[in-house]
Amino acid sequence: MIKRVTGEQLLAIGIILIGLVMAWQIGDIPEEAGYAGIGPRFFPSLVVAGLIVAGGALLMQRRHRNGPDTILSDGEDDTEQLEAEEAAARGEANWHMFIIASGSLIAHMALINLAGFTLAGTFLCFGICRALETRRPALDLLLSFLLALGLFHLFKTLGLNLPALLPGGVL
């Protein structure tokens, strides 16, 4: 009897390891280098926590889907059957969604200095909504704008300077 480690489990373990390595590296960031009251280690710490939680969630999701101890025999029939079931569960890749989401991210990076954080962020969020094929584009656009505007002012309050569309930093 062999326990088979799947690609999803390896990905989850890899994400957790990346988070742990980043956590170790955060100690090298000097505390006095910050711009604002929160310090330079705050956002990297949030990213580390997110990576570790996401990796753990992916690992637990995989464990609960197959049961705690999915054990296969050495026979090829079980392996082929499991691979066929996994392929059917994954479904086909949605390249249309991937292209729209990737294009939105690339456009955001290209536009952030030209159009400012708020409009570039609006475009990014709205592009992701379009990629996910939501049914209310007008509401998506409004919520994307409000989210980007709220983040802009949150970062401004924290003392982080982001590119603004209008002089004076309103948008």
N, C-alpha and C. Protein backbone atom coordinates (compact mmCIF):
# COMPACT_ATOMS: atom_id res chain seq x y z
N MET A 1 0.84 -1.18 0.00
CA MET A 1 0.00 0.00 0.00
C MET A 1 0.89 1.24 0.00
N ILE A 2 0.54 2.18 -0.89
CA ILE A 2 1.34 3.39 -1.06
C ILE A 2 0.42 4.60 -0.91
N LYS A 3 0.87 5.58 -0.15
CA LYS A 3 0.17 6.85 -0.11
C LYS A 3 0.72 7.68 -1.26
N ARG A 4 -0.16 8.16 -2.08
CA ARG A 4 0.25 8.94 -3.25
C ARG A 4 0.09 10.42 -2.95
N VAL A 5 1.15 11.18 -3.12
CA VAL A 5 1.10 12.61 -2.93
C VAL A 5 0.72 13.23 -4.28
N THR A 6 -0.32 14.04 -4.29
CA THR A 6 -0.80 14.63 -5.53
C THR A 6 -0.13 15.97 -5.80
N GLY A 7 -0.36 16.45 -7.00
CA GLY A 7 0.18 17.76 -7.38
C GLY A 7 -0.37 18.88 -6.52
N GLU A 8 -1.66 18.79 -6.17
CA GLU A 8 -2.26 19.81 -5.31
C GLU A 8 -1.61 19.83 -3.93
N GLN A 9 -1.31 18.66 -3.40
CA GLN A 9 -0.65 18.60 -2.10
C GLN A 9 0.75 19.18 -2.18
N LEU A 10 1.47 18.88 -3.26
CA LEU A 10 2.81 19.45 -3.43
C LEU A 10 2.74 20.97 -3.57
N LEU A 11 1.74 21.45 -4.32
CA LEU A 11 1.57 22.90 -4.46
C LEU A 11 1.29 23.54 -3.11
N ALA A 12 0.41 22.94 -2.32
CA ALA A 12 0.08 23.47 -1.00
C ALA A 12 1.31 23.50 -0.10
N ILE A 13 2.07 22.44 -0.10
CA ILE A 13 3.29 22.40 0.71
C ILE A 13 4.29 23.45 0.21
N GLY A 14 4.39 23.61 -1.10
CA GLY A 14 5.28 24.63 -1.66
C GLY A 14 4.88 26.04 -1.25
N ILE A 15 3.57 26.32 -1.26
CA ILE A 15 3.08 27.64 -0.85
C ILE A 15 3.40 27.88 0.62
N ILE A 16 3.20 26.88 1.45
CA ILE A 16 3.53 27.02 2.88
C ILE A 16 5.03 27.25 3.07
N LEU A 17 5.85 26.52 2.33
CA LEU A 17 7.30 26.70 2.44
C LEU A 17 7.74 28.09 1.99
N ILE A 18 7.15 28.60 0.92
CA ILE A 18 7.46 29.96 0.47
C ILE A 18 7.09 30.96 1.57
N GLY A 19 5.94 30.76 2.19
CA GLY A 19 5.54 31.63 3.29
C GLY A 19 6.51 31.58 4.46
N LEU A 20 6.97 30.39 4.79
CA LEU A 20 7.92 30.25 5.90
C LEU A 20 9.27 30.89 5.57
N VAL A 21 9.73 30.72 4.34
CA VAL A 21 11.00 31.36 3.93
C VAL A 21 10.86 32.88 3.97
N MET A 22 9.71 33.38 3.49
CA MET A 22 9.49 34.83 3.54
C MET A 22 9.44 35.33 4.99
N ALA A 23 8.81 34.54 5.87
CA ALA A 23 8.75 34.93 7.28
C ALA A 23 10.15 35.03 7.86
N TRP A 24 10.99 34.11 7.49
CA TRP A 24 12.38 34.13 7.97
C TRP A 24 13.11 35.36 7.43
N GLN A 25 12.83 35.73 6.17
CA GLN A 25 13.50 36.87 5.56
C GLN A 25 12.99 38.21 6.09
N ILE A 26 11.79 38.26 6.62
CA ILE A 26 11.24 39.51 7.13
C ILE A 26 12.10 40.04 8.27
N GLY A 27 12.74 39.14 9.00
CA GLY A 27 13.62 39.57 10.08
C GLY A 27 14.78 40.42 9.61
N ASP A 28 15.13 40.35 8.34
CA ASP A 28 16.24 41.15 7.79
C ASP A 28 15.82 42.57 7.41
N ILE A 29 14.53 42.86 7.43
CA ILE A 29 14.06 44.21 7.09
C ILE A 29 14.25 45.09 8.31
N PRO A 30 15.02 46.19 8.18
CA PRO A 30 15.24 47.06 9.34
C PRO A 30 13.95 47.79 9.73
N GLU A 31 13.70 47.90 11.01
CA GLU A 31 12.49 48.54 11.51
C GLU A 31 12.48 50.04 11.22
N GLU A 32 13.61 50.69 11.22
CA GLU A 32 13.64 52.14 11.09
C GLU A 32 13.45 52.62 9.66
N ALA A 33 13.28 51.71 8.71
CA ALA A 33 13.16 52.11 7.31
C ALA A 33 11.74 52.47 6.90
N GLY A 34 10.78 52.45 7.82
CA GLY A 34 9.38 52.66 7.45
C GLY A 34 9.03 54.11 7.18
N TYR A 35 7.95 54.32 6.39
CA TYR A 35 7.48 55.66 6.09
C TYR A 35 6.43 56.10 7.09
N ALA A 36 5.72 55.17 7.61
CA ALA A 36 4.55 55.51 8.42
C ALA A 36 4.61 54.77 9.75
N GLY A 37 3.57 54.94 10.53
CA GLY A 37 3.53 54.35 11.85
C GLY A 37 3.46 52.83 11.88
N ILE A 38 3.10 52.20 10.77
CA ILE A 38 2.92 50.76 10.80
C ILE A 38 4.22 49.99 10.63
N GLY A 39 5.25 50.59 10.07
CA GLY A 39 6.53 49.92 9.92
C GLY A 39 6.64 49.14 8.63
N PRO A 40 7.86 48.88 8.22
CA PRO A 40 8.09 48.23 6.93
C PRO A 40 7.82 46.73 6.91
N ARG A 41 7.63 46.13 8.07
CA ARG A 41 7.40 44.68 8.12
C ARG A 41 5.91 44.32 8.07
N PHE A 42 5.04 45.32 8.13
CA PHE A 42 3.60 45.06 8.24
C PHE A 42 3.05 44.35 7.01
N PHE A 43 3.19 44.93 5.82
CA PHE A 43 2.62 44.33 4.62
C PHE A 43 3.28 43.00 4.25
N PRO A 44 4.60 42.89 4.35
CA PRO A 44 5.18 41.56 4.11
C PRO A 44 4.65 40.50 5.09
N SER A 45 4.38 40.90 6.32
CA SER A 45 3.82 39.96 7.29
C SER A 45 2.42 39.52 6.90
N LEU A 46 1.63 40.45 6.34
CA LEU A 46 0.30 40.09 5.85
C LEU A 46 0.39 39.10 4.70
N VAL A 47 1.34 39.31 3.81
CA VAL A 47 1.53 38.40 2.68
C VAL A 47 1.93 37.02 3.18
N VAL A 48 2.84 36.98 4.14
CA VAL A 48 3.29 35.70 4.71
C VAL A 48 2.11 34.96 5.35
N ALA A 49 1.32 35.68 6.14
CA ALA A 49 0.17 35.05 6.78
C ALA A 49 -0.80 34.53 5.72
N GLY A 50 -1.03 35.30 4.67
CA GLY A 50 -1.92 34.87 3.60
C GLY A 50 -1.41 33.63 2.89
N LEU A 51 -0.11 33.58 2.63
CA LEU A 51 0.46 32.40 1.97
C LEU A 51 0.32 31.15 2.83
N ILE A 52 0.63 31.27 4.09
CA ILE A 52 0.56 30.11 4.98
C ILE A 52 -0.88 29.64 5.15
N VAL A 53 -1.81 30.58 5.31
CA VAL A 53 -3.22 30.21 5.45
C VAL A 53 -3.75 29.60 4.14
N ALA A 54 -3.41 30.20 2.99
CA ALA A 54 -3.87 29.66 1.71
C ALA A 54 -3.30 28.27 1.46
N GLY A 55 -2.02 28.08 1.75
CA GLY A 55 -1.41 26.76 1.58
C GLY A 55 -2.06 25.73 2.49
N GLY A 56 -2.31 26.11 3.73
CA GLY A 56 -2.97 25.19 4.66
C GLY A 56 -4.39 24.87 4.23
N ALA A 57 -5.11 25.89 3.73
CA ALA A 57 -6.48 25.65 3.26
C ALA A 57 -6.49 24.72 2.06
N LEU A 58 -5.55 24.91 1.14
CA LEU A 58 -5.47 24.04 -0.03
C LEU A 58 -5.13 22.61 0.39
N LEU A 59 -4.24 22.47 1.33
CA LEU A 59 -3.87 21.15 1.82
C LEU A 59 -5.07 20.47 2.51
N MET A 60 -5.79 21.21 3.32
CA MET A 60 -6.95 20.63 4.01
C MET A 60 -8.08 20.33 3.03
N GLN A 61 -8.26 21.17 2.02
CA GLN A 61 -9.29 20.93 1.02
C GLN A 61 -9.01 19.63 0.30
N ARG A 62 -7.79 19.41 -0.07
CA ARG A 62 -7.40 18.19 -0.76
C ARG A 62 -7.61 16.98 0.16
N ARG A 63 -7.25 17.14 1.42
CA ARG A 63 -7.38 16.03 2.38
C ARG A 63 -8.84 15.66 2.57
N HIS A 64 -9.70 16.65 2.70
CA HIS A 64 -11.12 16.36 2.93
C HIS A 64 -11.81 15.82 1.68
N ARG A 65 -11.33 16.19 0.51
CA ARG A 65 -11.95 15.71 -0.71
C ARG A 65 -11.68 14.22 -0.89
N ASN A 66 -10.48 13.76 -0.59
CA ASN A 66 -10.12 12.36 -0.79
C ASN A 66 -10.21 11.53 0.47
N GLY A 67 -10.53 12.14 1.58
CA GLY A 67 -10.54 11.41 2.84
C GLY A 67 -9.18 11.53 3.49
N PRO A 68 -9.12 11.33 4.79
CA PRO A 68 -7.87 11.55 5.52
C PRO A 68 -6.74 10.62 5.11
N ASP A 69 -7.03 9.41 4.75
CA ASP A 69 -5.97 8.47 4.42
C ASP A 69 -6.31 7.72 3.13
N THR A 70 -6.19 8.43 2.03
CA THR A 70 -6.44 7.79 0.75
C THR A 70 -5.23 6.92 0.44
N ILE A 71 -5.44 5.65 0.43
CA ILE A 71 -4.34 4.71 0.21
C ILE A 71 -4.65 3.92 -1.05
N LEU A 72 -3.69 3.84 -1.89
CA LEU A 72 -3.85 3.10 -3.13
C LEU A 72 -3.00 1.83 -3.07
N SER A 73 -3.46 0.84 -3.74
CA SER A 73 -2.64 -0.37 -3.85
C SER A 73 -1.62 -0.16 -4.95
N ASP A 74 -0.70 -1.08 -5.09
CA ASP A 74 0.34 -0.95 -6.09
C ASP A 74 -0.18 -1.17 -7.51
N GLY A 75 -1.41 -1.58 -7.68
CA GLY A 75 -1.95 -1.88 -9.00
C GLY A 75 -2.14 -0.62 -9.82
N GLU A 76 -1.95 -0.76 -11.12
CA GLU A 76 -2.09 0.38 -12.02
C GLU A 76 -3.55 0.78 -12.18
N ASP A 77 -4.48 -0.13 -12.01
CA ASP A 77 -5.88 0.17 -12.21
C ASP A 77 -6.35 1.27 -11.27
N ASP A 78 -5.95 1.21 -9.99
CA ASP A 78 -6.34 2.23 -9.03
C ASP A 78 -5.74 3.57 -9.39
N THR A 79 -4.50 3.59 -9.79
CA THR A 79 -3.82 4.83 -10.16
C THR A 79 -4.48 5.45 -11.39
N GLU A 80 -4.75 4.65 -12.39
CA GLU A 80 -5.40 5.17 -13.60
C GLU A 80 -6.79 5.69 -13.29
N GLN A 81 -7.51 4.98 -12.45
CA GLN A 81 -8.85 5.41 -12.09
C GLN A 81 -8.81 6.73 -11.34
N LEU A 82 -7.87 6.87 -10.39
CA LEU A 82 -7.75 8.11 -9.63
C LEU A 82 -7.38 9.26 -10.54
N GLU A 83 -6.44 9.05 -11.46
CA GLU A 83 -6.05 10.11 -12.39
C GLU A 83 -7.22 10.51 -13.28
N ALA A 84 -8.01 9.56 -13.73
CA ALA A 84 -9.17 9.87 -14.56
C ALA A 84 -10.20 10.68 -13.78
N GLU A 85 -10.41 10.30 -12.51
CA GLU A 85 -11.36 11.04 -11.67
C GLU A 85 -10.87 12.47 -11.42
N GLU A 86 -9.58 12.63 -11.16
CA GLU A 86 -9.03 13.96 -10.93
C GLU A 86 -9.15 14.83 -12.17
N ALA A 87 -8.86 14.25 -13.34
CA ALA A 87 -8.97 15.00 -14.60
C ALA A 87 -10.41 15.43 -14.85
N ALA A 88 -11.36 14.57 -14.56
CA ALA A 88 -12.77 14.90 -14.75
C ALA A 88 -13.21 15.99 -13.77
N ALA A 89 -12.71 15.93 -12.55
CA ALA A 89 -13.08 16.92 -11.54
C ALA A 89 -12.49 18.30 -11.85
N ARG A 90 -11.29 18.32 -12.42
CA ARG A 90 -10.66 19.60 -12.75
C ARG A 90 -11.38 20.30 -13.89
N GLY A 91 -11.84 19.57 -14.86
CA GLY A 91 -12.50 20.18 -16.01
C GLY A 91 -11.47 20.80 -16.95
N GLU A 92 -11.97 21.45 -17.96
CA GLU A 92 -11.12 22.10 -18.95
C GLU A 92 -10.68 23.47 -18.47
N ALA A 93 -9.52 23.89 -18.90
CA ALA A 93 -9.03 25.22 -18.56
C ALA A 93 -9.87 26.26 -19.28
N ASN A 94 -10.19 27.33 -18.60
CA ASN A 94 -10.95 28.42 -19.21
C ASN A 94 -9.95 29.49 -19.64
N TRP A 95 -9.47 29.37 -20.87
CA TRP A 95 -8.44 30.28 -21.37
C TRP A 95 -8.98 31.69 -21.57
N HIS A 96 -10.25 31.82 -21.87
CA HIS A 96 -10.87 33.14 -22.02
C HIS A 96 -10.76 33.92 -20.70
N MET A 97 -11.10 33.25 -19.60
CA MET A 97 -11.02 33.87 -18.28
C MET A 97 -9.57 34.23 -17.95
N PHE A 98 -8.66 33.32 -18.24
CA PHE A 98 -7.24 33.56 -17.96
C PHE A 98 -6.71 34.76 -18.73
N ILE A 99 -7.07 34.87 -20.00
CA ILE A 99 -6.58 35.97 -20.84
C ILE A 99 -7.13 37.31 -20.35
N ILE A 100 -8.41 37.36 -19.99
CA ILE A 100 -8.99 38.61 -19.51
C ILE A 100 -8.35 39.01 -18.17
N ALA A 101 -8.20 38.06 -17.24
CA ALA A 101 -7.61 38.36 -15.93
C ALA A 101 -6.15 38.79 -16.09
N SER A 102 -5.39 38.09 -16.90
CA SER A 102 -3.98 38.43 -17.12
C SER A 102 -3.85 39.78 -17.80
N GLY A 103 -4.69 40.02 -18.79
CA GLY A 103 -4.67 41.31 -19.48
C GLY A 103 -5.01 42.46 -18.55
N SER A 104 -5.96 42.23 -17.66
CA SER A 104 -6.32 43.27 -16.68
C SER A 104 -5.16 43.58 -15.75
N LEU A 105 -4.45 42.56 -15.32
CA LEU A 105 -3.30 42.77 -14.44
C LEU A 105 -2.19 43.52 -15.17
N ILE A 106 -1.91 43.12 -16.40
CA ILE A 106 -0.86 43.80 -17.18
C ILE A 106 -1.25 45.25 -17.44
N ALA A 107 -2.52 45.48 -17.80
CA ALA A 107 -2.98 46.85 -18.04
C ALA A 107 -2.89 47.69 -16.76
N HIS A 108 -3.20 47.08 -15.63
CA HIS A 108 -3.09 47.79 -14.34
C HIS A 108 -1.66 48.25 -14.11
N MET A 109 -0.72 47.34 -14.34
CA MET A 109 0.69 47.70 -14.12
C MET A 109 1.13 48.79 -15.09
N ALA A 110 0.63 48.75 -16.31
CA ALA A 110 1.02 49.75 -17.32
C ALA A 110 0.36 51.10 -17.05
N LEU A 111 -0.85 51.10 -16.50
CA LEU A 111 -1.61 52.33 -16.34
C LEU A 111 -1.42 53.03 -15.00
N ILE A 112 -0.87 52.36 -14.02
CA ILE A 112 -0.87 52.92 -12.67
C ILE A 112 -0.15 54.28 -12.59
N ASN A 113 0.94 54.44 -13.32
CA ASN A 113 1.63 55.74 -13.29
C ASN A 113 1.00 56.76 -14.22
N LEU A 114 0.29 56.31 -15.24
CA LEU A 114 -0.35 57.23 -16.18
C LEU A 114 -1.72 57.69 -15.69
N ALA A 115 -2.53 56.77 -15.23
CA ALA A 115 -3.91 57.08 -14.87
C ALA A 115 -4.13 57.16 -13.36
N GLY A 116 -3.13 56.82 -12.58
CA GLY A 116 -3.28 56.86 -11.13
C GLY A 116 -3.77 55.53 -10.59
N PHE A 117 -3.59 55.37 -9.29
CA PHE A 117 -3.93 54.11 -8.62
C PHE A 117 -5.43 53.81 -8.71
N THR A 118 -6.25 54.82 -8.50
CA THR A 118 -7.69 54.59 -8.43
C THR A 118 -8.26 54.08 -9.75
N LEU A 119 -7.93 54.73 -10.85
CA LEU A 119 -8.46 54.28 -12.13
C LEU A 119 -7.83 52.97 -12.58
N ALA A 120 -6.54 52.80 -12.35
CA ALA A 120 -5.88 51.54 -12.71
C ALA A 120 -6.45 50.40 -11.86
N GLY A 121 -6.67 50.66 -10.58
CA GLY A 121 -7.25 49.64 -9.70
C GLY A 121 -8.68 49.32 -10.08
N THR A 122 -9.43 50.35 -10.50
CA THR A 122 -10.80 50.12 -10.97
C THR A 122 -10.79 49.21 -12.19
N PHE A 123 -9.89 49.50 -13.11
CA PHE A 123 -9.78 48.69 -14.32
C PHE A 123 -9.42 47.24 -13.97
N LEU A 124 -8.51 47.06 -13.04
CA LEU A 124 -8.11 45.71 -12.64
C LEU A 124 -9.28 44.96 -12.02
N CYS A 125 -9.96 45.55 -11.05
CA CYS A 125 -11.09 44.88 -10.39
C CYS A 125 -12.22 44.59 -11.38
N PHE A 126 -12.52 45.55 -12.24
CA PHE A 126 -13.58 45.35 -13.21
C PHE A 126 -13.19 44.26 -14.21
N GLY A 127 -11.93 44.23 -14.60
CA GLY A 127 -11.45 43.17 -15.50
C GLY A 127 -11.60 41.79 -14.88
N ILE A 128 -11.30 41.68 -13.59
CA ILE A 128 -11.46 40.39 -12.91
C ILE A 128 -12.94 40.01 -12.85
N CYS A 129 -13.81 41.00 -12.61
CA CYS A 129 -15.25 40.71 -12.62
C CYS A 129 -15.69 40.22 -14.00
N ARG A 130 -15.18 40.83 -15.05
CA ARG A 130 -15.52 40.40 -16.41
C ARG A 130 -15.00 38.99 -16.66
N ALA A 131 -13.80 38.71 -16.18
CA ALA A 131 -13.23 37.37 -16.37
C ALA A 131 -14.08 36.32 -15.66
N LEU A 132 -14.63 36.68 -14.52
CA LEU A 132 -15.47 35.75 -13.76
C LEU A 132 -16.91 35.71 -14.28
N GLU A 133 -17.17 36.49 -15.31
CA GLU A 133 -18.48 36.51 -15.99
C GLU A 133 -19.63 36.83 -15.04
N THR A 134 -19.45 37.87 -14.24
CA THR A 134 -20.53 38.30 -13.36
C THR A 134 -21.65 38.89 -14.21
N ARG A 135 -22.83 39.00 -13.62
CA ARG A 135 -24.01 39.36 -14.41
C ARG A 135 -24.41 40.83 -14.31
N ARG A 136 -23.73 41.62 -13.49
CA ARG A 136 -24.11 43.02 -13.31
C ARG A 136 -22.91 43.92 -13.57
N PRO A 137 -22.60 44.20 -14.82
CA PRO A 137 -21.39 44.99 -15.11
C PRO A 137 -21.42 46.41 -14.55
N ALA A 138 -22.57 47.05 -14.52
CA ALA A 138 -22.63 48.42 -13.99
C ALA A 138 -22.32 48.41 -12.49
N LEU A 139 -22.88 47.47 -11.77
CA LEU A 139 -22.60 47.36 -10.33
C LEU A 139 -21.14 46.98 -10.11
N ASP A 140 -20.61 46.08 -10.94
CA ASP A 140 -19.20 45.70 -10.83
C ASP A 140 -18.29 46.91 -11.00
N LEU A 141 -18.61 47.75 -11.98
CA LEU A 141 -17.79 48.94 -12.23
C LEU A 141 -17.85 49.90 -11.05
N LEU A 142 -19.05 50.12 -10.52
CA LEU A 142 -19.20 51.01 -9.37
C LEU A 142 -18.45 50.47 -8.15
N LEU A 143 -18.63 49.18 -7.85
CA LEU A 143 -17.95 48.59 -6.69
C LEU A 143 -16.44 48.55 -6.88
N SER A 144 -15.98 48.32 -8.11
CA SER A 144 -14.54 48.33 -8.38
C SER A 144 -13.96 49.71 -8.12
N PHE A 145 -14.67 50.74 -8.56
CA PHE A 145 -14.21 52.11 -8.33
C PHE A 145 -14.18 52.43 -6.84
N LEU A 146 -15.24 52.08 -6.13
CA LEU A 146 -15.29 52.36 -4.70
C LEU A 146 -14.21 51.61 -3.92
N LEU A 147 -13.95 50.37 -4.30
CA LEU A 147 -12.89 49.60 -3.66
C LEU A 147 -11.53 50.25 -3.90
N ALA A 148 -11.24 50.60 -5.15
CA ALA A 148 -9.95 51.21 -5.47
C ALA A 148 -9.80 52.57 -4.79
N LEU A 149 -10.87 53.36 -4.78
CA LEU A 149 -10.82 54.66 -4.12
C LEU A 149 -10.61 54.51 -2.61
N GLY A 150 -11.31 53.56 -2.01
CA GLY A 150 -11.13 53.30 -0.58
C GLY A 150 -9.71 52.86 -0.26
N LEU A 151 -9.15 51.98 -1.08
CA LEU A 151 -7.76 51.55 -0.85
C LEU A 151 -6.78 52.70 -1.03
N PHE A 152 -7.03 53.55 -2.03
CA PHE A 152 -6.16 54.71 -2.25
C PHE A 152 -6.11 55.58 -1.00
N HIS A 153 -7.29 55.87 -0.45
CA HIS A 153 -7.33 56.74 0.74
C HIS A 153 -6.82 56.03 1.98
N LEU A 154 -7.00 54.72 2.08
CA LEU A 154 -6.42 53.98 3.19
C LEU A 154 -4.90 54.06 3.16
N PHE A 155 -4.31 53.82 1.99
CA PHE A 155 -2.86 53.90 1.86
C PHE A 155 -2.37 55.33 2.09
N LYS A 156 -3.14 56.31 1.63
CA LYS A 156 -2.77 57.71 1.85
C LYS A 156 -2.77 58.03 3.34
N THR A 157 -3.77 57.50 4.06
CA THR A 157 -3.85 57.70 5.51
C THR A 157 -2.66 57.04 6.21
N LEU A 158 -2.20 55.92 5.69
CA LEU A 158 -1.06 55.22 6.28
C LEU A 158 0.28 55.88 5.91
N GLY A 159 0.22 56.90 5.08
CA GLY A 159 1.43 57.62 4.71
C GLY A 159 2.14 57.05 3.50
N LEU A 160 1.49 56.18 2.75
CA LEU A 160 2.10 55.61 1.55
C LEU A 160 1.64 56.41 0.33
N ASN A 161 2.58 56.85 -0.45
CA ASN A 161 2.27 57.66 -1.61
C ASN A 161 2.02 56.78 -2.82
N LEU A 162 0.82 56.90 -3.37
CA LEU A 162 0.48 56.18 -4.60
C LEU A 162 0.23 57.19 -5.69
N PRO A 163 0.43 56.80 -6.93
CA PRO A 163 0.19 57.74 -8.03
C PRO A 163 -1.29 58.14 -8.08
N ALA A 164 -1.52 59.44 -8.19
CA ALA A 164 -2.88 59.96 -8.26
C ALA A 164 -3.14 60.51 -9.66
N LEU A 165 -4.38 60.46 -10.10
CA LEU A 165 -4.74 60.98 -11.41
C LEU A 165 -4.74 62.50 -11.40
N LEU A 166 -5.34 63.07 -10.38
CA LEU A 166 -5.44 64.52 -10.28
C LEU A 166 -4.42 65.05 -9.27
N PRO A 167 -3.83 66.21 -9.55
CA PRO A 167 -2.92 66.80 -8.55
C PRO A 167 -3.69 67.08 -7.26
N GLY A 168 -3.07 66.83 -6.17
CA GLY A 168 -3.71 67.00 -4.87
C GLY A 168 -4.11 65.67 -4.26
N GLY A 169 -4.07 64.62 -5.05
CA GLY A 169 -4.26 63.28 -4.52
C GLY A 169 -5.66 62.90 -4.11
N VAL A 170 -6.70 63.43 -4.79
CA VAL A 170 -8.07 63.03 -4.47
C VAL A 170 -8.39 61.68 -5.13
N LEU A 171 -7.97 61.51 -6.36
CA LEU A 171 -8.19 60.26 -7.10
C LEU A 171 -6.85 59.66 -7.38
